[in-house]
N, C-alpha and C. Protein backbone atom coordinates (compact mmCIF):
# COMPACT_ATOMS: atom_id res chain seq x y z
N VAL A 1 -87.46 18.71 55.81
CA VAL A 1 -86.12 18.68 55.27
C VAL A 1 -84.98 18.64 56.48
N ILE A 2 -83.90 18.26 56.16
CA ILE A 2 -82.78 18.48 57.24
C ILE A 2 -81.78 19.64 56.66
N ILE A 3 -81.63 20.57 57.56
CA ILE A 3 -80.81 21.68 57.43
C ILE A 3 -79.34 21.26 57.58
N LEU A 4 -78.52 21.29 56.66
CA LEU A 4 -77.05 20.94 56.78
C LEU A 4 -76.19 22.07 57.19
N ASP A 5 -76.38 23.17 56.63
CA ASP A 5 -75.65 24.38 56.98
C ASP A 5 -76.27 25.58 56.55
N GLU A 6 -75.69 26.71 56.85
CA GLU A 6 -76.21 27.92 56.48
C GLU A 6 -74.92 29.18 56.07
N ARG A 7 -75.33 30.06 55.36
CA ARG A 7 -74.47 31.17 55.25
C ARG A 7 -75.22 32.35 55.07
N TYR A 8 -74.66 33.52 55.72
CA TYR A 8 -75.34 34.82 55.58
C TYR A 8 -74.97 35.29 54.34
N VAL A 9 -75.98 35.94 53.51
CA VAL A 9 -75.66 36.52 52.30
C VAL A 9 -76.19 38.00 52.18
N ASN A 10 -75.35 38.79 51.81
CA ASN A 10 -75.90 40.19 51.41
C ASN A 10 -75.71 40.59 49.98
N THR A 11 -76.67 41.14 49.37
CA THR A 11 -76.56 41.54 48.04
C THR A 11 -77.09 42.90 47.70
N TYR A 12 -76.33 43.69 46.92
CA TYR A 12 -76.74 45.09 46.73
C TYR A 12 -76.68 45.15 45.05
N TYR A 13 -77.86 45.62 44.56
CA TYR A 13 -78.04 45.96 43.15
C TYR A 13 -78.32 47.38 43.10
N ALA A 14 -77.57 48.03 42.05
CA ALA A 14 -77.72 49.56 42.02
C ALA A 14 -79.09 49.96 41.38
N GLY A 15 -79.46 49.14 40.39
CA GLY A 15 -80.79 49.46 39.74
C GLY A 15 -81.98 48.63 40.14
N LYS A 16 -83.08 48.91 39.55
CA LYS A 16 -84.26 48.10 39.85
C LYS A 16 -84.29 46.80 39.15
N TYR A 17 -84.99 45.82 39.79
CA TYR A 17 -85.07 44.54 39.13
C TYR A 17 -85.76 44.43 38.03
N ASN A 18 -85.24 43.74 36.89
CA ASN A 18 -85.95 43.66 35.64
C ASN A 18 -85.94 42.17 35.25
N SER A 19 -86.95 41.46 35.37
CA SER A 19 -87.05 40.09 35.14
C SER A 19 -86.69 39.60 33.77
N ASN A 20 -86.81 40.67 32.83
CA ASN A 20 -86.37 40.41 31.53
C ASN A 20 -84.77 40.51 31.26
N ASN A 21 -84.20 41.15 32.18
CA ASN A 21 -82.79 41.28 32.08
C ASN A 21 -82.04 41.15 33.42
N PRO A 22 -82.00 39.90 34.02
CA PRO A 22 -81.46 39.70 35.31
C PRO A 22 -79.94 40.00 35.27
N VAL A 23 -79.47 40.70 36.34
CA VAL A 23 -77.94 40.88 36.33
C VAL A 23 -77.53 40.54 37.70
N ALA A 24 -76.05 40.38 37.70
CA ALA A 24 -75.44 40.01 38.97
C ALA A 24 -75.49 41.31 39.88
N PRO A 25 -75.50 41.11 41.30
CA PRO A 25 -75.38 42.15 42.10
C PRO A 25 -73.89 42.91 42.00
N GLU A 26 -74.00 44.26 42.20
CA GLU A 26 -72.74 44.98 42.02
C GLU A 26 -71.87 44.73 43.24
N CYS A 27 -72.41 44.41 44.41
CA CYS A 27 -71.76 44.06 45.52
C CYS A 27 -72.46 42.89 46.30
N SER A 28 -71.64 42.04 46.71
CA SER A 28 -72.22 40.86 47.44
C SER A 28 -71.28 40.34 48.55
N ALA A 29 -71.83 39.73 49.54
CA ALA A 29 -70.96 39.34 50.81
C ALA A 29 -71.61 37.94 51.23
N GLN A 30 -70.70 37.01 51.55
CA GLN A 30 -71.23 35.70 52.16
C GLN A 30 -70.30 35.27 53.25
N SER A 31 -70.93 34.76 54.37
CA SER A 31 -70.05 34.30 55.56
C SER A 31 -70.80 33.41 56.47
N ASP A 32 -70.15 32.62 57.11
CA ASP A 32 -70.78 31.82 58.16
C ASP A 32 -70.89 32.52 59.54
N ASN A 33 -70.50 33.94 59.49
CA ASN A 33 -70.56 34.72 60.69
C ASN A 33 -71.06 36.04 60.24
N ALA A 34 -72.29 36.39 60.66
CA ALA A 34 -73.03 37.58 60.32
C ALA A 34 -72.24 38.84 60.61
N ASN A 35 -71.30 38.81 61.70
CA ASN A 35 -70.55 40.04 62.08
C ASN A 35 -69.21 40.21 61.41
N GLU A 36 -68.95 39.28 60.35
CA GLU A 36 -67.69 39.40 59.63
C GLU A 36 -67.86 39.43 58.16
N MET A 37 -69.10 40.14 57.86
CA MET A 37 -69.45 40.30 56.43
C MET A 37 -68.59 41.34 55.81
N LYS A 38 -68.08 40.96 54.55
CA LYS A 38 -67.24 41.97 53.73
C LYS A 38 -67.47 41.62 52.29
N PRO A 39 -67.43 42.49 51.40
CA PRO A 39 -67.61 42.33 49.98
C PRO A 39 -66.77 41.25 49.44
N SER A 40 -67.36 40.44 48.61
CA SER A 40 -66.63 39.43 47.73
C SER A 40 -65.50 39.97 46.85
N THR A 41 -64.51 39.41 46.69
CA THR A 41 -63.55 39.76 45.68
C THR A 41 -64.22 39.78 44.27
N ALA A 42 -65.23 39.03 44.14
CA ALA A 42 -65.94 39.04 42.88
C ALA A 42 -66.80 40.14 42.63
N SER A 43 -67.06 40.94 43.66
CA SER A 43 -67.99 42.13 43.52
C SER A 43 -67.48 43.08 42.46
N SER A 44 -68.35 43.50 41.45
CA SER A 44 -67.83 44.47 40.48
C SER A 44 -67.76 45.91 40.94
N ASP A 45 -68.49 46.11 42.07
CA ASP A 45 -68.44 47.57 42.70
C ASP A 45 -68.63 47.49 44.18
N PRO A 46 -67.62 47.03 44.95
CA PRO A 46 -67.73 47.06 46.32
C PRO A 46 -68.20 48.32 46.90
N GLN A 47 -69.15 48.26 47.80
CA GLN A 47 -69.72 49.72 48.25
C GLN A 47 -68.97 50.05 49.68
N HIS A 48 -68.28 49.25 50.16
CA HIS A 48 -67.60 49.61 51.56
C HIS A 48 -66.59 48.46 51.79
N GLU A 49 -65.68 48.75 52.83
CA GLU A 49 -64.67 47.70 53.22
C GLU A 49 -65.39 46.58 53.83
N SER A 50 -66.45 46.81 54.60
CA SER A 50 -67.23 45.76 55.30
C SER A 50 -68.60 46.07 55.31
N CYS A 51 -69.56 45.03 55.46
CA CYS A 51 -71.02 45.29 55.46
C CYS A 51 -71.40 46.16 56.69
N ASP A 52 -70.66 45.93 57.78
CA ASP A 52 -70.89 46.80 58.99
C ASP A 52 -70.44 48.12 58.68
N GLY A 53 -71.33 49.13 58.78
CA GLY A 53 -71.00 50.51 58.56
C GLY A 53 -71.12 50.91 57.02
N CYS A 54 -71.55 49.91 56.12
CA CYS A 54 -71.87 50.28 54.82
C CYS A 54 -73.19 51.12 54.62
N PRO A 55 -73.20 52.11 53.89
CA PRO A 55 -74.45 52.96 53.84
C PRO A 55 -75.49 52.27 53.12
N GLN A 56 -75.09 51.25 52.24
CA GLN A 56 -76.07 50.57 51.57
C GLN A 56 -76.91 49.53 52.44
N ASN A 57 -76.19 49.24 53.54
CA ASN A 57 -76.77 48.23 54.49
C ASN A 57 -77.41 48.86 55.68
N GLU A 58 -77.70 50.04 55.50
CA GLU A 58 -78.51 50.83 56.58
C GLU A 58 -79.79 51.33 56.13
N TYR A 59 -80.83 51.35 57.01
CA TYR A 59 -82.00 51.85 56.59
C TYR A 59 -81.98 53.36 56.37
N PRO A 60 -82.58 53.83 55.35
CA PRO A 60 -82.43 55.43 55.08
C PRO A 60 -83.45 56.13 56.10
N ASP A 61 -82.96 57.29 56.32
CA ASP A 61 -83.73 58.20 57.33
C ASP A 61 -85.09 58.41 56.85
N SER A 62 -85.33 58.34 55.52
CA SER A 62 -86.63 58.69 55.06
C SER A 62 -87.51 57.58 55.08
N GLY A 63 -87.13 56.39 55.65
CA GLY A 63 -87.92 55.32 55.65
C GLY A 63 -87.82 54.29 54.61
N GLY A 64 -88.46 53.22 54.55
CA GLY A 64 -88.31 52.24 53.47
C GLY A 64 -87.27 51.29 53.75
N GLY A 65 -86.99 50.39 52.85
CA GLY A 65 -86.10 49.34 52.91
C GLY A 65 -84.60 49.66 52.77
N LYS A 66 -83.80 48.84 53.08
CA LYS A 66 -82.40 49.02 52.96
C LYS A 66 -81.97 48.71 51.45
N PRO A 67 -81.08 49.43 50.93
CA PRO A 67 -80.51 49.16 49.64
C PRO A 67 -80.02 47.77 49.53
N CYS A 68 -79.33 47.26 50.48
CA CYS A 68 -78.64 45.93 50.54
C CYS A 68 -79.54 45.07 51.12
N LYS A 69 -79.75 43.90 50.34
CA LYS A 69 -80.73 42.80 50.74
C LYS A 69 -79.87 41.81 51.73
N ASN A 70 -80.37 41.64 52.93
CA ASN A 70 -79.79 40.60 53.86
C ASN A 70 -80.57 39.23 53.78
N GLY A 71 -79.91 38.24 53.67
CA GLY A 71 -80.56 36.92 53.67
C GLY A 71 -79.75 35.81 54.22
N ILE A 72 -80.31 34.74 54.15
CA ILE A 72 -79.57 33.44 54.65
C ILE A 72 -79.72 32.44 53.72
N ARG A 73 -78.69 31.79 53.08
CA ARG A 73 -78.71 30.64 52.17
C ARG A 73 -78.53 29.42 53.16
N LEU A 74 -79.61 28.33 52.81
CA LEU A 74 -79.46 27.16 53.49
C LEU A 74 -79.17 25.97 52.49
N ALA A 75 -78.29 25.19 53.09
CA ALA A 75 -78.03 23.73 52.29
C ALA A 75 -78.81 22.81 52.94
N ILE A 76 -79.88 22.23 52.19
CA ILE A 76 -80.86 21.14 52.81
C ILE A 76 -80.93 19.95 51.98
N ILE A 77 -81.30 18.94 52.68
CA ILE A 77 -81.61 17.58 52.04
C ILE A 77 -83.15 17.21 52.27
N PRO A 78 -83.81 16.39 51.56
CA PRO A 78 -85.06 15.97 51.90
C PRO A 78 -85.05 14.98 53.05
N ALA A 79 -86.27 14.74 53.62
CA ALA A 79 -86.32 14.00 54.81
C ALA A 79 -86.21 12.48 54.36
N ASP A 80 -86.26 12.15 53.12
CA ASP A 80 -86.07 10.70 52.73
C ASP A 80 -84.67 10.68 51.90
N ALA A 81 -83.62 11.46 52.46
CA ALA A 81 -82.51 11.52 51.76
C ALA A 81 -81.67 10.28 51.81
N THR A 82 -80.83 10.05 50.83
CA THR A 82 -79.88 8.81 50.78
C THR A 82 -78.53 9.55 50.64
N ALA A 83 -77.49 8.60 50.82
CA ALA A 83 -76.09 9.16 50.58
C ALA A 83 -75.86 9.70 49.16
N ASP A 84 -76.65 9.38 48.24
CA ASP A 84 -76.52 10.03 46.81
C ASP A 84 -77.52 11.19 46.56
N SER A 85 -78.25 11.70 47.52
CA SER A 85 -79.14 12.80 47.43
C SER A 85 -78.42 13.99 46.96
N SER A 86 -79.12 14.77 46.26
CA SER A 86 -78.59 16.15 45.89
C SER A 86 -78.73 17.14 47.03
N ILE A 87 -77.87 17.91 47.14
CA ILE A 87 -78.01 19.07 48.24
C ILE A 87 -78.80 20.14 47.50
N LEU A 88 -79.71 20.59 48.18
CA LEU A 88 -80.55 21.76 47.53
C LEU A 88 -80.10 23.15 48.33
N MET A 89 -80.24 24.10 47.63
CA MET A 89 -79.94 25.53 48.27
C MET A 89 -81.29 26.28 48.26
N VAL A 90 -81.64 26.85 49.49
CA VAL A 90 -82.68 27.63 49.62
C VAL A 90 -82.31 28.97 50.12
N ASP A 91 -82.79 30.11 49.54
CA ASP A 91 -82.46 31.37 50.06
C ASP A 91 -83.65 31.97 50.95
N ILE A 92 -83.36 32.33 52.12
CA ILE A 92 -84.36 33.02 53.03
C ILE A 92 -84.33 34.48 52.66
N SER A 93 -85.56 34.98 52.26
CA SER A 93 -85.50 36.39 52.11
C SER A 93 -85.67 37.23 53.40
N PRO A 94 -85.43 38.47 53.38
CA PRO A 94 -85.63 39.23 54.59
C PRO A 94 -86.85 38.97 55.29
N THR A 95 -87.95 38.83 54.67
CA THR A 95 -89.18 38.64 55.39
C THR A 95 -89.30 37.40 56.27
N GLY A 96 -88.40 36.30 55.92
CA GLY A 96 -88.45 35.07 56.59
C GLY A 96 -87.43 34.95 57.62
N LEU A 97 -86.51 35.99 57.78
CA LEU A 97 -85.39 35.84 58.73
C LEU A 97 -85.88 35.84 60.15
N LYS A 98 -86.82 36.61 60.61
CA LYS A 98 -87.15 36.62 61.99
C LYS A 98 -87.71 35.24 62.31
N GLY A 99 -88.47 34.67 61.53
CA GLY A 99 -89.01 33.35 61.87
C GLY A 99 -87.87 32.25 61.95
N TYR A 100 -87.03 32.30 61.11
CA TYR A 100 -85.81 31.40 60.92
C TYR A 100 -84.96 31.46 62.28
N VAL A 101 -84.62 32.83 62.53
CA VAL A 101 -83.76 33.02 63.74
C VAL A 101 -84.55 32.59 65.04
N THR A 102 -85.73 32.81 65.09
CA THR A 102 -86.49 32.28 66.31
C THR A 102 -86.52 30.75 66.41
N TYR A 103 -86.65 30.14 65.21
CA TYR A 103 -86.64 28.64 65.14
C TYR A 103 -85.32 28.22 65.63
N MET A 104 -84.27 28.88 65.12
CA MET A 104 -82.90 28.33 65.46
C MET A 104 -82.60 28.56 66.95
N LYS A 105 -83.20 29.66 67.48
CA LYS A 105 -82.98 29.90 68.98
C LYS A 105 -83.68 28.86 69.69
N ALA A 106 -84.76 28.45 69.37
CA ALA A 106 -85.50 27.44 69.94
C ALA A 106 -84.83 26.13 70.00
N LEU A 107 -84.13 25.70 68.87
CA LEU A 107 -83.43 24.46 68.73
C LEU A 107 -82.15 24.58 69.68
N LYS A 108 -81.61 25.75 69.67
CA LYS A 108 -80.29 25.89 70.48
C LYS A 108 -80.75 25.83 71.91
N ALA A 109 -81.89 26.33 72.39
CA ALA A 109 -82.35 26.29 73.79
C ALA A 109 -82.56 24.70 74.25
N GLN A 110 -82.89 23.99 73.25
CA GLN A 110 -83.14 22.56 73.54
C GLN A 110 -81.93 21.70 73.35
N GLY A 111 -80.74 22.45 73.10
CA GLY A 111 -79.50 21.79 72.88
C GLY A 111 -79.44 20.86 71.72
N VAL A 112 -80.10 21.27 70.55
CA VAL A 112 -80.07 20.54 69.41
C VAL A 112 -79.63 21.33 68.20
N LEU A 113 -78.80 20.65 67.38
CA LEU A 113 -78.34 21.21 66.15
C LEU A 113 -79.38 20.99 65.11
N PRO A 114 -79.44 21.97 63.99
CA PRO A 114 -80.47 21.86 62.91
C PRO A 114 -80.29 20.51 62.19
N ILE A 115 -79.19 19.90 62.06
CA ILE A 115 -78.84 18.81 61.38
C ILE A 115 -79.43 17.54 62.04
N GLN A 116 -79.78 17.67 63.36
CA GLN A 116 -80.27 16.53 64.07
C GLN A 116 -81.76 16.38 64.00
N VAL A 117 -82.43 17.25 63.29
CA VAL A 117 -83.90 17.20 63.38
C VAL A 117 -84.52 17.40 61.91
N LEU A 118 -85.59 16.96 61.62
CA LEU A 118 -86.28 17.16 60.51
C LEU A 118 -86.98 18.45 60.69
N THR A 119 -87.15 19.39 59.76
CA THR A 119 -87.79 20.73 59.91
C THR A 119 -88.77 20.83 58.81
N ASP A 120 -89.95 21.07 59.21
CA ASP A 120 -90.89 21.41 58.14
C ASP A 120 -90.69 22.82 57.65
N LEU A 121 -90.57 23.02 56.37
CA LEU A 121 -90.45 24.24 55.49
C LEU A 121 -91.54 24.41 54.67
N SER A 122 -92.18 25.47 54.89
CA SER A 122 -93.48 25.75 54.17
C SER A 122 -93.50 27.42 53.93
N PHE A 123 -94.53 27.80 53.11
CA PHE A 123 -94.75 29.10 52.91
C PHE A 123 -95.98 29.62 53.81
N ASP A 124 -95.92 30.73 54.32
CA ASP A 124 -96.94 31.47 55.16
C ASP A 124 -98.16 31.69 54.31
N PRO A 125 -99.23 30.96 54.46
CA PRO A 125 -100.43 31.16 53.58
C PRO A 125 -100.93 32.58 53.77
N LYS A 126 -100.77 33.19 54.85
CA LYS A 126 -101.39 34.44 55.21
C LYS A 126 -100.56 35.67 54.56
N ALA A 127 -99.33 35.43 54.15
CA ALA A 127 -98.53 36.46 53.50
C ALA A 127 -98.96 36.59 51.96
N SER A 128 -98.89 37.88 51.45
CA SER A 128 -99.19 38.04 50.15
C SER A 128 -97.86 38.04 49.28
N TYR A 129 -96.80 37.51 49.77
CA TYR A 129 -95.61 37.29 49.04
C TYR A 129 -95.02 35.90 49.71
N PRO A 130 -93.92 35.43 48.91
CA PRO A 130 -93.40 34.18 49.41
C PRO A 130 -92.60 34.24 50.73
N LYS A 131 -93.17 33.91 51.79
CA LYS A 131 -92.46 33.96 53.09
C LYS A 131 -92.31 32.61 53.76
N LEU A 132 -91.01 32.19 53.81
CA LEU A 132 -90.65 31.02 54.47
C LEU A 132 -91.02 30.83 55.92
N VAL A 133 -91.43 29.68 56.29
CA VAL A 133 -91.92 29.42 57.72
C VAL A 133 -91.06 28.11 58.07
N PHE A 134 -90.52 27.98 59.28
CA PHE A 134 -89.82 26.88 59.76
C PHE A 134 -90.52 26.41 61.08
N GLY A 135 -90.54 24.96 61.12
CA GLY A 135 -91.15 24.47 62.45
C GLY A 135 -91.17 23.01 62.52
N ASN A 136 -91.96 22.43 63.56
CA ASN A 136 -92.15 21.24 63.83
C ASN A 136 -90.87 20.37 63.94
N PRO A 137 -89.85 20.78 64.69
CA PRO A 137 -88.71 19.85 64.70
C PRO A 137 -88.87 18.45 65.43
N ARG A 138 -88.37 17.47 64.71
CA ARG A 138 -88.44 16.27 65.24
C ARG A 138 -87.27 15.23 64.84
N PRO A 139 -86.92 14.34 65.84
CA PRO A 139 -85.74 13.57 65.47
C PRO A 139 -85.64 12.73 64.26
N HIS A 140 -84.54 12.36 63.78
CA HIS A 140 -84.49 11.42 62.52
C HIS A 140 -83.39 10.58 62.73
N ASN A 141 -83.40 9.48 61.87
CA ASN A 141 -82.24 8.63 61.99
C ASN A 141 -81.29 8.70 60.81
N LEU A 142 -81.11 9.80 60.23
CA LEU A 142 -80.20 10.06 59.03
C LEU A 142 -78.99 10.69 59.29
N LEU A 143 -78.52 10.73 60.56
CA LEU A 143 -77.11 11.44 60.86
C LEU A 143 -75.92 10.80 60.17
N GLU A 144 -75.95 9.55 59.97
CA GLU A 144 -74.90 8.95 59.20
C GLU A 144 -74.90 9.36 57.62
N ILE A 145 -75.99 9.67 57.21
CA ILE A 145 -76.09 10.27 55.87
C ILE A 145 -75.89 11.76 55.84
N ALA A 146 -76.48 12.41 56.80
CA ALA A 146 -76.41 13.94 56.82
C ALA A 146 -74.95 14.47 57.01
N TRP A 147 -74.25 13.86 57.96
CA TRP A 147 -72.87 14.55 58.28
C TRP A 147 -71.97 14.43 57.06
N PRO A 148 -71.82 13.43 56.31
CA PRO A 148 -71.02 13.59 55.17
C PRO A 148 -71.53 14.53 54.11
N LEU A 149 -72.79 14.61 53.91
CA LEU A 149 -73.40 15.67 53.05
C LEU A 149 -73.13 17.06 53.41
N ARG A 150 -73.13 17.21 54.82
CA ARG A 150 -72.87 18.55 55.30
C ARG A 150 -71.49 19.03 54.80
N GLU A 151 -70.54 18.10 54.83
CA GLU A 151 -69.21 18.47 54.32
C GLU A 151 -69.20 18.97 52.91
N LYS A 152 -70.03 18.16 52.15
CA LYS A 152 -70.19 18.72 50.73
C LYS A 152 -70.90 20.02 50.60
N ALA A 153 -71.88 20.24 51.47
CA ALA A 153 -72.62 21.33 51.48
C ALA A 153 -71.88 22.65 51.81
N GLN A 154 -71.07 22.41 52.92
CA GLN A 154 -69.86 23.54 53.09
C GLN A 154 -69.14 24.05 51.88
N LYS A 155 -68.73 23.07 51.16
CA LYS A 155 -67.90 23.36 50.04
C LYS A 155 -68.71 24.15 48.98
N LEU A 156 -69.93 23.67 48.85
CA LEU A 156 -70.94 24.41 47.87
C LEU A 156 -71.20 25.78 48.38
N LEU A 157 -71.36 26.00 49.63
CA LEU A 157 -71.61 27.29 50.18
C LEU A 157 -70.52 28.37 50.11
N LYS A 158 -69.30 27.94 49.86
CA LYS A 158 -68.22 28.87 49.82
C LYS A 158 -68.25 29.75 48.63
């Protein structure tokens, strides 16, 4: 795939997940800057004025996971994209974040933007849950297609 853009996404649900009755999160935040996250005006029950310092976004002293789920939403296109290709959205769960961040740091160290390379996107076959894996960056010749689609993706990610 070609990664067009990304947004950091935090979501907080007060109750347990019920696949028979999915509900919107009580509080959610989305930003292109992880350090400037604050609840969306559409949140039905904002938990704090910002994600930084929010008790729902901190690990409990008793151990276990954070009540607020941190993730990253990617806008991507397939490796054989055309100017008319649909932009796809993929959410990286907390379990895939470390691998994604490591992959992005490696690209940055090479002076490469994610939009400039094809990225293999797969699931870790060793994980007992869906965990995304990123790798094998290689050049492509689709920048003339990818850049205009990136502008569309940025509008979709807002």
